[in-house]
Amino acid sequence: MEISGIFTALFIGIIIGALGRLVLPGKQRIGFWLTLVVGIVAALLGTLLAAAVGVADTDGIDWIELFLQIAFAAGGVALVDRLRGGGNRRRSITR
């Protein structure tokens, strides 16, 4: 992988991760670096799934691929937020 490919992956990861956070309601308590990692993984998974289904190479913008990437990012952000103890967890009432 060339250095330009690494920078492109980081840039796309930031955008996809941020879009994944935007579609989720409420505040997510994960940092920039976790958002970046989730975004990169979501971009890769979305691209792989779009290629497997056969909708990755179209003329113009690949809207289905972009939708899949954002959906993976939203799911990843929600999962990481939940695993880190954020989100709307029920509090136990002690007596």
Foldseek 3Di string as FASTA:
>chain_A
DDPVVVVVLQVQQQVLLVLLQVVDPDDFPDDSVQSSVQSSVLLVVLLVVCVVVPQNDDPDDSVSSSVSSNVSSNVSSVVVSVVVPHDDDDDDDDD
